[in-house]
Amino acid sequence: MIPRTVIVNSNCHHGFSIEEAVRGAVNAGFRNIELTATKGWTEHVFPTMSFSRLCDVRDMVRMNGLTIAAMSGHTNLMDESRLDDFKMNLRLAAFLGARIVVTSVGEAHLEDRAKGADEQVAANIRGLLPLVEDLGLSIVLETHGEHGTASRLRPIIELTGSPLVRICYDTANAVFYGDVKGTEDVEANADLIGYVHVKDKAAGRTDWDFPALGQGWLDIPAVLKALDDAGNRAPLSVEIEFTKDGPSGLKEVDDALITSARYLEGLGYTL
């Protein structure tokens, strides 16, 4: 088994404060966190926050012993009017000390105002690369929406022609959006997967039900083995999104983080 950096996504605490997300992460034993800056959904950090507030959040996370390993900054990269917003997300990630910025190709939780061909998306991303490189970052495109599989994202990654752009493979999104079965999608694209949202799936394929790790039916060990077999060392970021009704309260979220942490430890990973 290949050792991997294990991270927890603050989006698990969607609807709760960043302070509550940090306390839950620490209580579960995590040492790395992915902060969420997704417009209109989870804005635990966001470029429009005051500098003072952002400094307070950064310091609070660090004082609790967590490393900010990544930031979710979902933005529609098909929409040229949103590219300046993504540039601000990149600058925010660098300020926070993150080195990986997660985004979908389209909006994650807002309606897309524009769509574009792969060539246009790749051109938009290439225009961002000087800033990405200057800030010491990398971008990972998440399996989400119309781009729900690694195979669908592969042409865009290849068109960008940069090692700074890779795939964020969301294990449950690939099923929910991409109708992926088994590990073929991972096996065929492991060379371009740079980050993994490790997320479980319960109920039907198209039901919004993403429980604590080990509580659904997704064969997570098989996905991780496929990455291992390919020599892929991508970090794992735990994400739990519950059902459409959401969690019953903060305790359910915190308990789900503990369950997920113990699950990964049971597979041999170190938090």
Foldseek 3Di string as FASTA:
>chain_A
DFAAQEEAELCLVWVDELVLSLVLCVVLPHAEYAYECAPPTRHNDALPDDPVVLVVSLVVNVVSRHHHAEYEYAAQLQDPVCLVRVLSVLVSCLVSPYAEYEYANAHQPDDGPGHDDLLSSLVSVLVCVVSSVVSNHAYAHECAAPNNAQVSCVVSVVSNVDLSYAHAYEQLSCCQHVVDDFQPRCLVRLVRHAAYADWADADDSNFAATFQPPPHDRPSVRNVVSNVVVVRHHHYYYHGAGGPVGDPDSVRSSVSSNSNSVVVVVVPYDD
